[in-house]
Amino acid sequence: MAIQIFGTAKNFDVKKAERWFSDRRMSVQSIDLKEKGISEGELDNVLSCLTKSCGSRKLALEHLLDKNSRNYADIAWLPDEDKEEKLLENPLLMKQPVVRNGKADATAGYCPDIWKNWTI
């Protein structure tokens, strides 16, 4: 199982997610969004995974956006395809942590109830 956690080192929910997986002795790969960002392929995969649970790519994109971010106003009025481009330019607009389980599952935010199903 390949767990990846996208976020920033100082984000409290990212630290909680890393601790949650560590407590279950699961290795994770942490990707710092400030340093490395997220690639177009990774973002597309995360949105595809979120689309399964949200029902549509538009709802998945809205779920991924951090509406509490101070820069959210810069992206809120854009069309959906432009929002994806803005997320690639500024990945800190995403809800953190973004946790990906291989290419099959992904979550945005702290979601231990969903992660628990990944460990079964």
PDB file of N, CA and C in Angstrom:
ATOM      1  N   MET A   1       0.848  -1.174   0.000  1.00  0.00           N
ATOM      2  CA  MET A   1       0.000   0.000   0.000  1.00  0.00           C
ATOM      3  C   MET A   1       0.895   1.239   0.000  1.00  0.00           C
ATOM      4  N   ALA A   2       0.669   2.137  -0.951  1.00  0.00           N
ATOM      5  CA  ALA A   2       1.485   3.333  -1.082  1.00  0.00           C
ATOM      6  C   ALA A   2       0.662   4.546  -0.663  1.00  0.00           C
ATOM      7  N   ILE A   3       0.888   5.005   0.557  1.00  0.00           N
ATOM      8  CA  ILE A   3       0.163   6.164   1.079  1.00  0.00           C
ATOM      9  C   ILE A   3       1.022   7.407   0.861  1.00  0.00           C
ATOM     10  N   GLN A   4       0.426   8.415   0.241  1.00  0.00           N
ATOM     11  CA  GLN A   4       1.093   9.694   0.055  1.00  0.00           C
ATOM     12  C   GLN A   4       0.270  10.759   0.766  1.00  0.00           C
ATOM     13  N   ILE A   5       0.977  11.634   1.483  1.00  0.00           N
ATOM     14  CA  ILE A   5       0.317  12.740   2.173  1.00  0.00           C
ATOM     15  C   ILE A   5       0.877  14.045   1.598  1.00  0.00           C
ATOM     16  N   PHE A   6      -0.003  14.797   0.958  1.00  0.00           N
ATOM     17  CA  PHE A   6       0.357  16.105   0.408  1.00  0.00           C
ATOM     18  C   PHE A   6      -0.078  17.159   1.414  1.00  0.00           C
ATOM     19  N   GLY A   7       0.832  18.043   1.776  1.00  0.00           N
ATOM     20  CA  GLY A   7       0.506  19.109   2.715  1.00  0.00           C
ATOM     21  C   GLY A   7       1.754  19.889   3.065  1.00  0.00           C
ATOM     22  N   THR A   8       1.634  20.740   4.063  1.00  0.00           N
ATOM     23  CA  THR A   8       2.786  21.504   4.534  1.00  0.00           C
ATOM     24  C   THR A   8       3.184  20.996   5.912  1.00  0.00           C
ATOM     25  N   ALA A   9       4.437  21.132   6.222  1.00  0.00           N
ATOM     26  CA  ALA A   9       4.976  20.593   7.469  1.00  0.00           C
ATOM     27  C   ALA A   9       4.346  21.235   8.709  1.00  0.00           C
ATOM     28  N   LYS A  10       3.897  22.464   8.596  1.00  0.00           N
ATOM     29  CA  LYS A  10       3.359  23.167   9.763  1.00  0.00           C
ATOM     30  C   LYS A  10       1.854  22.999   9.942  1.00  0.00           C
ATOM     31  N   ASN A  11       1.181  22.378   8.986  1.00  0.00           N
ATOM     32  CA  ASN A  11      -0.263  22.222   9.063  1.00  0.00           C
ATOM     33  C   ASN A  11      -0.627  21.181  10.113  1.00  0.00           C
ATOM     34  N   PHE A  12      -1.513  21.552  11.033  1.00  0.00           N
ATOM     35  CA  PHE A  12      -1.888  20.691  12.138  1.00  0.00           C
ATOM     36  C   PHE A  12      -2.555  19.400  11.664  1.00  0.00           C
ATOM     37  N   ASP A  13      -3.460  19.482  10.692  1.00  0.00           N
ATOM     38  CA  ASP A  13      -4.137  18.281  10.196  1.00  0.00           C
ATOM     39  C   ASP A  13      -3.178  17.348   9.460  1.00  0.00           C
ATOM     40  N   VAL A  14      -2.170  17.893   8.806  1.00  0.00           N
ATOM     41  CA  VAL A  14      -1.153  17.059   8.153  1.00  0.00           C
ATOM     42  C   VAL A  14      -0.383  16.281   9.214  1.00  0.00           C
ATOM     43  N   LYS A  15      -0.013  16.954  10.291  1.00  0.00           N
ATOM     44  CA  LYS A  15       0.697  16.271  11.379  1.00  0.00           C
ATOM     45  C   LYS A  15      -0.164  15.172  11.990  1.00  0.00           C
ATOM     46  N   LYS A  16      -1.470  15.455  12.183  1.00  0.00           N
ATOM     47  CA  LYS A  16      -2.376  14.444  12.732  1.00  0.00           C
ATOM     48  C   LYS A  16      -2.485  13.248  11.787  1.00  0.00           C
ATOM     49  N   ALA A  17      -2.548  13.496  10.494  1.00  0.00           N
ATOM     50  CA  ALA A  17      -2.636  12.404   9.515  1.00  0.00           C
ATOM     51  C   ALA A  17      -1.366  11.554   9.540  1.00  0.00           C
ATOM     52  N   GLU A  18      -0.218  12.195   9.582  1.00  0.00           N
ATOM     53  CA  GLU A  18       1.042  11.445   9.642  1.00  0.00           C
ATOM     54  C   GLU A  18       1.100  10.597  10.907  1.00  0.00           C
ATOM     55  N   ARG A  19       0.654  11.170  12.013  1.00  0.00           N
ATOM     56  CA  ARG A  19       0.629  10.430  13.273  1.00  0.00           C
ATOM     57  C   ARG A  19      -0.353   9.262  13.203  1.00  0.00           C
ATOM     58  N   TRP A  20      -1.522   9.460  12.575  1.00  0.00           N
ATOM     59  CA  TRP A  20      -2.538   8.420  12.463  1.00  0.00           C
ATOM     60  C   TRP A  20      -1.965   7.206  11.732  1.00  0.00           C
ATOM     61  N   PHE A  21      -1.291   7.432  10.615  1.00  0.00           N
ATOM     62  CA  PHE A  21      -0.705   6.320   9.862  1.00  0.00           C
ATOM     63  C   PHE A  21       0.492   5.723  10.596  1.00  0.00           C
ATOM     64  N   SER A  22       1.273   6.556  11.253  1.00  0.00           N
ATOM     65  CA  SER A  22       2.416   6.077  12.023  1.00  0.00           C
ATOM     66  C   SER A  22       1.976   5.173  13.165  1.00  0.00           C
ATOM     67  N   ASP A  23       0.889   5.542  13.843  1.00  0.00           N
ATOM     68  CA  ASP A  23       0.367   4.727  14.942  1.00  0.00           C
ATOM     69  C   ASP A  23      -0.056   3.348  14.468  1.00  0.00           C
ATOM     70  N   ARG A  24      -0.400   3.223  13.205  1.00  0.00           N
ATOM     71  CA  ARG A  24      -0.809   1.938  12.636  1.00  0.00           C
ATOM     72  C   ARG A  24       0.329   1.259  11.888  1.00  0.00           C
ATOM     73  N   ARG A  25       1.535   1.776  12.092  1.00  0.00           N
ATOM     74  CA  ARG A  25       2.763   1.243  11.496  1.00  0.00           C
ATOM     75  C   ARG A  25       2.684   1.156   9.971  1.00  0.00           C
ATOM     76  N   MET A  26       2.104   2.174   9.385  1.00  0.00           N
ATOM     77  CA  MET A  26       2.001   2.249   7.932  1.00  0.00           C
ATOM     78  C   MET A  26       2.977   3.312   7.450  1.00  0.00           C
ATOM     79  N   SER A  27       3.786   2.953   6.481  1.00  0.00           N
ATOM     80  CA  SER A  27       4.739   3.929   5.973  1.00  0.00           C
ATOM     81  C   SER A  27       4.032   4.883   5.015  1.00  0.00           C
ATOM     82  N   VAL A  28       4.443   6.127   5.067  1.00  0.00           N
ATOM     83  CA  VAL A  28       3.859   7.155   4.220  1.00  0.00           C
ATOM     84  C   VAL A  28       4.967   7.929   3.521  1.00  0.00           C
ATOM     85  N   GLN A  29       4.610   8.490   2.405  1.00  0.00           N
ATOM     86  CA  GLN A  29       5.499   9.405   1.704  1.00  0.00           C
ATOM     87  C   GLN A  29       4.890  10.790   1.860  1.00  0.00           C
ATOM     88  N   SER A  30       5.605  11.691   2.497  1.00  0.00           N
ATOM     89  CA  SER A  30       5.107  13.052   2.703  1.00  0.00           C
ATOM     90  C   SER A  30       5.638  13.953   1.607  1.00  0.00           C
ATOM     91  N   ILE A  31       4.745  14.691   0.983  1.00  0.00           N
ATOM     92  CA  ILE A  31       5.121  15.626  -0.072  1.00  0.00           C
ATOM     93  C   ILE A  31       4.737  17.021   0.395  1.00  0.00           C
ATOM     94  N   ASP A  32       5.750  17.881   0.540  1.00  0.00           N
ATOM     95  CA  ASP A  32       5.527  19.251   0.998  1.00  0.00           C
ATOM     96  C   ASP A  32       5.039  20.099  -0.176  1.00  0.00           C
ATOM     97  N   LEU A  33       3.822  20.599  -0.068  1.00  0.00           N
ATOM     98  CA  LEU A  33       3.236  21.381  -1.148  1.00  0.00           C
ATOM     99  C   LEU A  33       3.967  22.703  -1.368  1.00  0.00           C
ATOM    100  N   LYS A  34       4.594  23.252  -0.328  1.00  0.00           N
ATOM    101  CA  LYS A  34       5.345  24.501  -0.498  1.00  0.00           C
ATOM    102  C   LYS A  34       6.588  24.273  -1.338  1.00  0.00           C
ATOM    103  N   GLU A  35       7.251  23.136  -1.113  1.00  0.00           N
ATOM    104  CA  GLU A  35       8.495  22.847  -1.824  1.00  0.00           C
ATOM    105  C   GLU A  35       8.265  22.268  -3.214  1.00  0.00           C
ATOM    106  N   LYS A  36       7.459  21.226  -3.296  1.00  0.00           N
ATOM    107  CA  LYS A  36       7.331  20.478  -4.541  1.00  0.00           C
ATOM    108  C   LYS A  36       6.024  20.718  -5.277  1.00  0.00           C
ATOM    109  N   GLY A  37       4.998  21.144  -4.576  1.00  0.00           N
ATOM    110  CA  GLY A  37       3.709  21.323  -5.224  1.00  0.00           C
ATOM    111  C   GLY A  37       3.079  19.989  -5.581  1.00  0.00           C
ATOM    112  N   ILE A  38       2.221  20.001  -6.574  1.00  0.00           N
ATOM    113  CA  ILE A  38       1.556  18.794  -7.042  1.00  0.00           C
ATOM    114  C   ILE A  38       1.574  18.824  -8.562  1.00  0.00           C
ATOM    115  N   SER A  39       1.864  17.679  -9.164  1.00  0.00           N
ATOM    116  CA  SER A  39       1.935  17.636 -10.622  1.00  0.00           C
ATOM    117  C   SER A  39       0.533  17.568 -11.212  1.00  0.00           C
ATOM    118  N   GLU A  40       0.444  17.825 -12.495  1.00  0.00           N
ATOM    119  CA  GLU A  40      -0.850  17.793 -13.181  1.00  0.00           C
ATOM    120  C   GLU A  40      -1.452  16.393 -13.126  1.00  0.00           C
ATOM    121  N   GLY A  41      -0.624  15.372 -13.295  1.00  0.00           N
ATOM    122  CA  GLY A  41      -1.102  13.992 -13.245  1.00  0.00           C
ATOM    123  C   GLY A  41      -1.598  13.606 -11.861  1.00  0.00           C
ATOM    124  N   GLU A  42      -0.874  14.040 -10.821  1.00  0.00           N
ATOM    125  CA  GLU A  42      -1.294  13.740  -9.449  1.00  0.00           C
ATOM    126  C   GLU A  42      -2.614  14.436  -9.126  1.00  0.00           C
ATOM    127  N   LEU A  43      -2.741  15.700  -9.522  1.00  0.00           N
ATOM    128  CA  LEU A  43      -3.986  16.439  -9.282  1.00  0.00           C
ATOM    129  C   LEU A  43      -5.144  15.775 -10.010  1.00  0.00           C
ATOM    130  N   ASP A  44      -4.920  15.368 -11.257  1.00  0.00           N
ATOM    131  CA  ASP A  44      -5.965  14.696 -12.025  1.00  0.00           C
ATOM    132  C   ASP A  44      -6.381  13.394 -11.348  1.00  0.00           C
ATOM    133  N   ASN A  45      -5.399  12.637 -10.839  1.00  0.00           N
ATOM    134  CA  ASN A  45      -5.712  11.381 -10.155  1.00  0.00           C
ATOM    135  C   ASN A  45      -6.505  11.635  -8.878  1.00  0.00           C
ATOM    136  N   VAL A  46      -6.107  12.624  -8.095  1.00  0.00           N
ATOM    137  CA  VAL A  46      -6.823  12.956  -6.860  1.00  0.00           C
ATOM    138  C   VAL A  46      -8.259  13.361  -7.185  1.00  0.00           C
ATOM    139  N   LEU A  47      -8.443  14.202  -8.195  1.00  0.00           N
ATOM    140  CA  LEU A  47      -9.791  14.626  -8.569  1.00  0.00           C
ATOM    141  C   LEU A  47     -10.627  13.447  -9.074  1.00  0.00           C
ATOM    142  N   SER A  48     -10.005  12.535  -9.813  1.00  0.00           N
ATOM    143  CA  SER A  48     -10.727  11.344 -10.289  1.00  0.00           C
ATOM    144  C   SER A  48     -11.180  10.483  -9.115  1.00  0.00           C
ATOM    145  N   CYS A  49     -10.304  10.308  -8.131  1.00  0.00           N
ATOM    146  CA  CYS A  49     -10.662   9.525  -6.944  1.00  0.00           C
ATOM    147  C   CYS A  49     -11.769  10.204  -6.146  1.00  0.00           C
ATOM    148  N   LEU A  50     -11.680  11.516  -5.990  1.00  0.00           N
ATOM    149  CA  LEU A  50     -12.706  12.249  -5.239  1.00  0.00           C
ATOM    150  C   LEU A  50     -14.037  12.267  -5.989  1.00  0.00           C
ATOM    151  N   THR A  51     -13.980  12.195  -7.319  1.00  0.00           N
ATOM    152  CA  THR A  51     -15.201  12.177  -8.121  1.00  0.00           C
ATOM    153  C   THR A  51     -16.041  10.946  -7.801  1.00  0.00           C
ATOM    154  N   LYS A  52     -15.384   9.823  -7.482  1.00  0.00           N
ATOM    155  CA  LYS A  52     -16.124   8.600  -7.128  1.00  0.00           C
ATOM    156  C   LYS A  52     -17.025   8.827  -5.920  1.00  0.00           C
ATOM    157  N   SER A  53     -16.524   9.549  -4.935  1.00  0.00           N
ATOM    158  CA  SER A  53     -17.320   9.760  -3.720  1.00  0.00           C
ATOM    159  C   SER A  53     -18.220  10.994  -3.805  1.00  0.00           C
ATOM    160  N   CYS A  54     -17.828  11.986  -4.603  1.00  0.00           N
ATOM    161  CA  CYS A  54     -18.613  13.225  -4.685  1.00  0.00           C
ATOM    162  C   CYS A  54     -19.687  13.178  -5.773  1.00  0.00           C
ATOM    163  N   GLY A  55     -19.495  12.354  -6.774  1.00  0.00           N
ATOM    164  CA  GLY A  55     -20.494  12.226  -7.829  1.00  0.00           C
ATOM    165  C   GLY A  55     -20.159  12.937  -9.123  1.00  0.00           C
ATOM    166  N   SER A  56     -19.430  14.039  -9.054  1.00  0.00           N
ATOM    167  CA  SER A  56     -19.030  14.743 -10.281  1.00  0.00           C
ATOM    168  C   SER A  56     -17.683  15.416 -10.052  1.00  0.00           C
ATOM    169  N   ARG A  57     -16.992  15.683 -11.150  1.00  0.00           N
ATOM    170  CA  ARG A  57     -15.678  16.319 -11.040  1.00  0.00           C
ATOM    171  C   ARG A  57     -15.812  17.737 -10.470  1.00  0.00           C
ATOM    172  N   LYS A  58     -16.899  18.423 -10.812  1.00  0.00           N
ATOM    173  CA  LYS A  58     -17.119  19.779 -10.296  1.00  0.00           C
ATOM    174  C   LYS A  58     -17.251  19.752  -8.766  1.00  0.00           C
ATOM    175  N   LEU A  59     -18.029  18.814  -8.246  1.00  0.00           N
ATOM    176  CA  LEU A  59     -18.179  18.699  -6.792  1.00  0.00           C
ATOM    177  C   LEU A  59     -16.870  18.252  -6.138  1.00  0.00           C
ATOM    178  N   ALA A  60     -16.128  17.397  -6.819  1.00  0.00           N
ATOM    179  CA  ALA A  60     -14.831  16.956  -6.295  1.00  0.00           C
ATOM    180  C   ALA A  60     -13.874  18.139  -6.193  1.00  0.00           C
ATOM    181  N   LEU A  61     -13.875  18.986  -7.205  1.00  0.00           N
ATOM    182  CA  LEU A  61     -13.015  20.173  -7.198  1.00  0.00           C
ATOM    183  C   LEU A  61     -13.415  21.109  -6.064  1.00  0.00           C
ATOM    184  N   GLU A  62     -14.721  21.321  -5.871  1.00  0.00           N
ATOM    185  CA  GLU A  62     -15.190  22.174  -4.781  1.00  0.00           C
ATOM    186  C   GLU A  62     -14.815  21.583  -3.420  1.00  0.00           C
ATOM    187  N   HIS A  63     -14.861  20.257  -3.312  1.00  0.00           N
ATOM    188  CA  HIS A  63     -14.482  19.584  -2.062  1.00  0.00           C
ATOM    189  C   HIS A  63     -12.984  19.738  -1.784  1.00  0.00           C
ATOM    190  N   LEU A  64     -12.192  19.750  -2.847  1.00  0.00           N
ATOM    191  CA  LEU A  64     -10.741  19.850  -2.704  1.00  0.00           C
ATOM    192  C   LEU A  64     -10.281  21.255  -2.317  1.00  0.00           C
ATOM    193  N   LEU A  65     -11.027  22.263  -2.716  1.00  0.00           N
ATOM    194  CA  LEU A  65     -10.635  23.650  -2.428  1.00  0.00           C
ATOM    195  C   LEU A  65     -10.817  23.983  -0.947  1.00  0.00           C
ATOM    196  N   ASP A  66      -9.830  24.680  -0.396  1.00  0.00           N
ATOM    197  CA  ASP A  66      -9.902  25.124   0.996  1.00  0.00           C
ATOM    198  C   ASP A  66     -10.581  26.488   1.035  1.00  0.00           C
ATOM    199  N   LYS A  67     -11.846  26.492   1.374  1.00  0.00           N
ATOM    200  CA  LYS A  67     -12.619  27.727   1.380  1.00  0.00           C
ATOM    201  C   LYS A  67     -12.205  28.668   2.513  1.00  0.00           C
ATOM    202  N   ASN A  68     -11.415  28.162   3.462  1.00  0.00           N
ATOM    203  CA  ASN A  68     -10.928  28.994   4.561  1.00  0.00           C
ATOM    204  C   ASN A  68      -9.572  29.629   4.246  1.00  0.00           C
ATOM    205  N   SER A  69      -9.016  29.308   3.109  1.00  0.00           N
ATOM    206  CA  SER A  69      -7.729  29.876   2.711  1.00  0.00           C
ATOM    207  C   SER A  69      -7.883  31.368   2.461  1.00  0.00           C
ATOM    208  N   ARG A  70      -6.878  32.127   2.834  1.00  0.00           N
ATOM    209  CA  ARG A  70      -6.990  33.580   2.638  1.00  0.00           C
ATOM    210  C   ARG A  70      -6.945  33.958   1.158  1.00  0.00           C
ATOM    211  N   ASN A  71      -6.470  33.030   0.305  1.00  0.00           N
ATOM    212  CA  ASN A  71      -6.417  33.301  -1.127  1.00  0.00           C
ATOM    213  C   ASN A  71      -7.587  32.681  -1.889  1.00  0.00           C
ATOM    214  N   TYR A  72      -8.572  32.141  -1.181  1.00  0.00           N
ATOM    215  CA  TYR A  72      -9.704  31.496  -1.847  1.00  0.00           C
ATOM    216  C   TYR A  72     -10.474  32.469  -2.737  1.00  0.00           C
ATOM    217  N   ALA A  73     -10.562  33.724  -2.346  1.00  0.00           N
ATOM    218  CA  ALA A  73     -11.292  34.715  -3.138  1.00  0.00           C
ATOM    219  C   ALA A  73     -10.686  34.868  -4.536  1.00  0.00           C
ATOM    220  N   ASP A  74      -9.391  34.592  -4.681  1.00  0.00           N
ATOM    221  CA  ASP A  74      -8.731  34.699  -5.977  1.00  0.00           C
ATOM    222  C   ASP A  74      -9.198  33.619  -6.952  1.00  0.00           C
ATOM    223  N   ILE A  75      -9.717  32.524  -6.424  1.00  0.00           N
ATOM    224  CA  ILE A  75     -10.051  31.376  -7.256  1.00  0.00           C
ATOM    225  C   ILE A  75     -11.558  31.115  -7.313  1.00  0.00           C
ATOM    226  N   ALA A  76     -12.315  31.625  -6.363  1.00  0.00           N
ATOM    227  CA  ALA A  76     -13.745  31.296  -6.232  1.00  0.00           C
ATOM    228  C   ALA A  76     -14.564  31.660  -7.466  1.00  0.00           C
ATOM    229  N   TRP A  77     -14.235  32.712  -8.134  1.00  0.00           N
ATOM    230  CA  TRP A  77     -15.043  33.204  -9.254  1.00  0.00           C
ATOM    231  C   TRP A  77     -14.650  32.597 -10.591  1.00  0.00           C
ATOM    232  N   LEU A  78     -13.573  31.829 -10.636  1.00  0.00           N
ATOM    233  CA  LEU A  78     -13.074  31.272 -11.894  1.00  0.00           C
ATOM    234  C   LEU A  78     -13.907  30.083 -12.375  1.00  0.00           C
ATOM    235  N   PRO A  79     -13.922  29.841 -13.691  1.00  0.00           N
ATOM    236  CA  PRO A  79     -14.541  28.611 -14.199  1.00  0.00           C
ATOM    237  C   PRO A  79     -13.735  27.395 -13.726  1.00  0.00           C
ATOM    238  N   ASP A  80     -14.362  26.217 -13.699  1.00  0.00           N
ATOM    239  CA  ASP A  80     -13.736  25.024 -13.134  1.00  0.00           C
ATOM    240  C   ASP A  80     -12.395  24.674 -13.772  1.00  0.00           C
ATOM    241  N   GLU A  81     -12.298  24.755 -15.096  1.00  0.00           N
ATOM    242  CA  GLU A  81     -11.029  24.387 -15.741  1.00  0.00           C
ATOM    243  C   GLU A  81      -9.901  25.333 -15.339  1.00  0.00           C
ATOM    244  N   ASP A  82     -10.237  26.600 -15.088  1.00  0.00           N
ATOM    245  CA  ASP A  82      -9.225  27.552 -14.633  1.00  0.00           C
ATOM    246  C   ASP A  82      -8.857  27.316 -13.168  1.00  0.00           C
ATOM    247  N   LYS A  83      -9.816  26.818 -12.377  1.00  0.00           N
ATOM    248  CA  LYS A  83      -9.528  26.512 -10.979  1.00  0.00           C
ATOM    249  C   LYS A  83      -8.459  25.422 -10.887  1.00  0.00           C
ATOM    250  N   GLU A  84      -8.533  24.434 -11.763  1.00  0.00           N
ATOM    251  CA  GLU A  84      -7.533  23.369 -11.754  1.00  0.00           C
ATOM    252  C   GLU A  84      -6.153  23.938 -12.075  1.00  0.00           C
ATOM    253  N   GLU A  85      -6.086  24.849 -13.035  1.00  0.00           N
ATOM    254  CA  GLU A  85      -4.814  25.498 -13.370  1.00  0.00           C
ATOM    255  C   GLU A  85      -4.277  26.292 -12.180  1.00  0.00           C
ATOM    256  N   LYS A  86      -5.164  27.003 -11.492  1.00  0.00           N
ATOM    257  CA  LYS A  86      -4.749  27.778 -10.313  1.00  0.00           C
ATOM    258  C   LYS A  86      -4.239  26.870  -9.203  1.00  0.00           C
ATOM    259  N   LEU A  87      -4.869  25.690  -9.040  1.00  0.00           N
ATOM    260  CA  LEU A  87      -4.394  24.740  -8.026  1.00  0.00           C
ATOM    261  C   LEU A  87      -2.988  24.254  -8.351  1.00  0.00           C
ATOM    262  N   LEU A  88      -2.688  24.089  -9.637  1.00  0.00           N
ATOM    263  CA  LEU A  88      -1.332  23.689 -10.020  1.00  0.00           C
ATOM    264  C   LEU A  88      -0.339  24.809  -9.730  1.00  0.00           C
ATOM    265  N   GLU A  89      -0.767  26.050  -9.941  1.00  0.00           N
ATOM    266  CA  GLU A  89       0.092  27.201  -9.666  1.00  0.00           C
ATOM    267  C   GLU A  89       0.265  27.430  -8.167  1.00  0.00           C
ATOM    268  N   ASN A  90      -0.828  27.272  -7.409  1.00  0.00           N
ATOM    269  CA  ASN A  90      -0.802  27.512  -5.967  1.00  0.00           C
ATOM    270  C   ASN A  90      -1.497  26.351  -5.240  1.00  0.00           C
ATOM    271  N   PRO A  91      -0.763  25.254  -5.004  1.00  0.00           N
ATOM    272  CA  PRO A  91      -1.373  24.079  -4.380  1.00  0.00           C
ATOM    273  C   PRO A  91      -1.796  24.305  -2.927  1.00  0.00           C
ATOM    274  N   LEU A  92      -1.397  25.414  -2.327  1.00  0.00           N
ATOM    275  CA  LEU A  92      -1.805  25.696  -0.952  1.00  0.00           C
ATOM    276  C   LEU A  92      -3.283  26.094  -0.868  1.00  0.00           C
ATOM    277  N   LEU A  93      -3.943  26.195  -2.017  1.00  0.00           N
ATOM    278  CA  LEU A  93      -5.379  26.454  -2.038  1.00  0.00           C
ATOM    279  C   LEU A  93      -6.185  25.186  -1.791  1.00  0.00           C
ATOM    280  N   MET A  94      -5.491  24.031  -1.725  1.00  0.00           N
ATOM    281  CA  MET A  94      -6.176  22.765  -1.472  1.00  0.00           C
ATOM    282  C   MET A  94      -6.345  22.544   0.022  1.00  0.00           C
ATOM    283  N   LYS A  95      -7.421  21.831   0.360  1.00  0.00           N
ATOM    284  CA  LYS A  95      -7.638  21.379   1.727  1.00  0.00           C
ATOM    285  C   LYS A  95      -6.497  20.435   2.084  1.00  0.00           C
ATOM    286  N   GLN A  96      -5.964  20.568   3.287  1.00  0.00           N
ATOM    287  CA  GLN A  96      -4.863  19.698   3.702  1.00  0.00           C
ATOM    288  C   GLN A  96      -5.277  18.828   4.862  1.00  0.00           C
ATOM    289  N   PRO A  97      -4.770  17.640   4.940  1.00  0.00           N
ATOM    290  CA  PRO A  97      -3.894  16.967   3.993  1.00  0.00           C
ATOM    291  C   PRO A  97      -4.698  16.352   2.849  1.00  0.00           C
ATOM    292  N   VAL A  98      -4.038  16.216   1.710  1.00  0.00           N
ATOM    293  CA  VAL A  98      -4.568  15.405   0.624  1.00  0.00           C
ATOM    294  C   VAL A  98      -3.852  14.066   0.760  1.00  0.00           C
ATOM    295  N   VAL A  99      -4.605  13.014   1.019  1.00  0.00           N
ATOM    296  CA  VAL A  99      -4.026  11.693   1.244  1.00  0.00           C
ATOM    297  C   VAL A  99      -4.447  10.792   0.099  1.00  0.00           C
ATOM    298  N   ARG A 100      -3.451  10.155  -0.502  1.00  0.00           N
ATOM    299  CA  ARG A 100      -3.712   9.288  -1.649  1.00  0.00           C
ATOM    300  C   ARG A 100      -3.241   7.876  -1.344  1.00  0.00           C
ATOM    301  N   ASN A 101      -4.097   6.916  -1.614  1.00  0.00           N
ATOM    302  CA  ASN A 101      -3.784   5.496  -1.428  1.00  0.00           C
ATOM    303  C   ASN A 101      -3.614   4.893  -2.811  1.00  0.00           C
ATOM    304  N   GLY A 102      -2.379   4.871  -3.284  1.00  0.00           N
ATOM    305  CA  GLY A 102      -2.137   4.396  -4.636  1.00  0.00           C
ATOM    306  C   GLY A 102      -2.867   5.280  -5.632  1.00  0.00           C
ATOM    307  N   LYS A 103      -3.409   4.658  -6.663  1.00  0.00           N
ATOM    308  CA  LYS A 103      -4.156   5.422  -7.657  1.00  0.00           C
ATOM    309  C   LYS A 103      -5.652   5.198  -7.529  1.00  0.00           C
ATOM    310  N   ALA A 104      -6.049   4.473  -6.491  1.00  0.00           N
ATOM    311  CA  ALA A 104      -7.457   4.092  -6.366  1.00  0.00           C
ATOM    312  C   ALA A 104      -8.266   4.988  -5.444  1.00  0.00           C
ATOM    313  N   ASP A 105      -7.655   5.517  -4.385  1.00  0.00           N
ATOM    314  CA  ASP A 105      -8.403   6.275  -3.378  1.00  0.00           C
ATOM    315  C   ASP A 105      -7.664   7.552  -3.014  1.00  0.00           C
ATOM    316  N   ALA A 106      -8.445   8.570  -2.650  1.00  0.00           N
ATOM    317  CA  ALA A 106      -7.864   9.822  -2.174  1.00  0.00           C
ATOM    318  C   ALA A 106      -8.883  10.536  -1.289  1.00  0.00           C
ATOM    319  N   THR A 107      -8.367  11.321  -0.357  1.00  0.00           N
ATOM    320  CA  THR A 107      -9.212  12.145   0.501  1.00  0.00           C
ATOM    321  C   THR A 107      -8.619  13.539   0.584  1.00  0.00           C
ATOM    322  N   ALA A 108      -9.468  14.498   0.901  1.00  0.00           N
ATOM    323  CA  ALA A 108      -9.023  15.872   1.143  1.00  0.00           C
ATOM    324  C   ALA A 108      -9.472  16.247   2.539  1.00  0.00           C
ATOM    325  N   GLY A 109      -8.518  16.623   3.373  1.00  0.00           N
ATOM    326  CA  GLY A 109      -8.825  16.926   4.763  1.00  0.00           C
ATOM    327  C   GLY A 109      -8.528  15.720   5.649  1.00  0.00           C
ATOM    328  N   TYR A 110      -8.757  15.889   6.933  1.00  0.00           N
ATOM    329  CA  TYR A 110      -8.491  14.828   7.915  1.00  0.00           C
ATOM    330  C   TYR A 110      -9.678  13.870   7.925  1.00  0.00           C
ATOM    331  N   CYS A 111      -9.491  12.636   7.439  1.00  0.00           N
ATOM    332  CA  CYS A 111     -10.586  11.667   7.258  1.00  0.00           C
ATOM    333  C   CYS A 111     -10.218  10.279   7.785  1.00  0.00           C
ATOM    334  N   PRO A 112      -9.983  10.107   9.090  1.00  0.00           N
ATOM    335  CA  PRO A 112      -9.561   8.796   9.595  1.00  0.00           C
ATOM    336  C   PRO A 112     -10.596   7.693   9.395  1.00  0.00           C
ATOM    337  N   ASP A 113     -11.887   8.041   9.328  1.00  0.00           N
ATOM    338  CA  ASP A 113     -12.906   7.014   9.106  1.00  0.00           C
ATOM    339  C   ASP A 113     -12.746   6.353   7.740  1.00  0.00           C
ATOM    340  N   ILE A 114     -12.370   7.124   6.752  1.00  0.00           N
ATOM    341  CA  ILE A 114     -12.141   6.572   5.411  1.00  0.00           C
ATOM    342  C   ILE A 114     -10.821   5.813   5.377  1.00  0.00           C
ATOM    343  N   TRP A 115      -9.780   6.352   6.002  1.00  0.00           N
ATOM    344  CA  TRP A 115      -8.466   5.692   6.008  1.00  0.00           C
ATOM    345  C   TRP A 115      -8.537   4.331   6.682  1.00  0.00           C
ATOM    346  N   LYS A 116      -9.411   4.226   7.683  1.00  0.00           N
ATOM    347  CA  LYS A 116      -9.556   2.961   8.398  1.00  0.00           C
ATOM    348  C   LYS A 116      -9.933   1.842   7.426  1.00  0.00           C
ATOM    349  N   ASN A 117     -10.765   2.153   6.436  1.00  0.00           N
ATOM    350  CA  ASN A 117     -11.154   1.160   5.430  1.00  0.00           C
ATOM    351  C   ASN A 117      -9.996   0.758   4.538  1.00  0.00           C
ATOM    352  N   TRP A 118      -9.000   1.611   4.413  1.00  0.00           N
ATOM    353  CA  TRP A 118      -7.830   1.302   3.599  1.00  0.00           C
ATOM    354  C   TRP A 118      -6.929   0.277   4.280  1.00  0.00           C
ATOM    355  N   THR A 119      -6.999   0.207   5.602  1.00  0.00           N
ATOM    356  CA  THR A 119      -6.090  -0.672   6.345  1.00  0.00           C
ATOM    357  C   THR A 119      -6.625  -2.090   6.504  1.00  0.00           C
ATOM    358  N   ILE A 120      -7.863  -2.301   6.102  1.00  0.00           N
ATOM    359  CA  ILE A 120      -8.477  -3.633   6.263  1.00  0.00           C
ATOM    360  C   ILE A 120      -7.972  -4.569   5.185  1.00  0.00           C
TER     361      ILE A 120
END
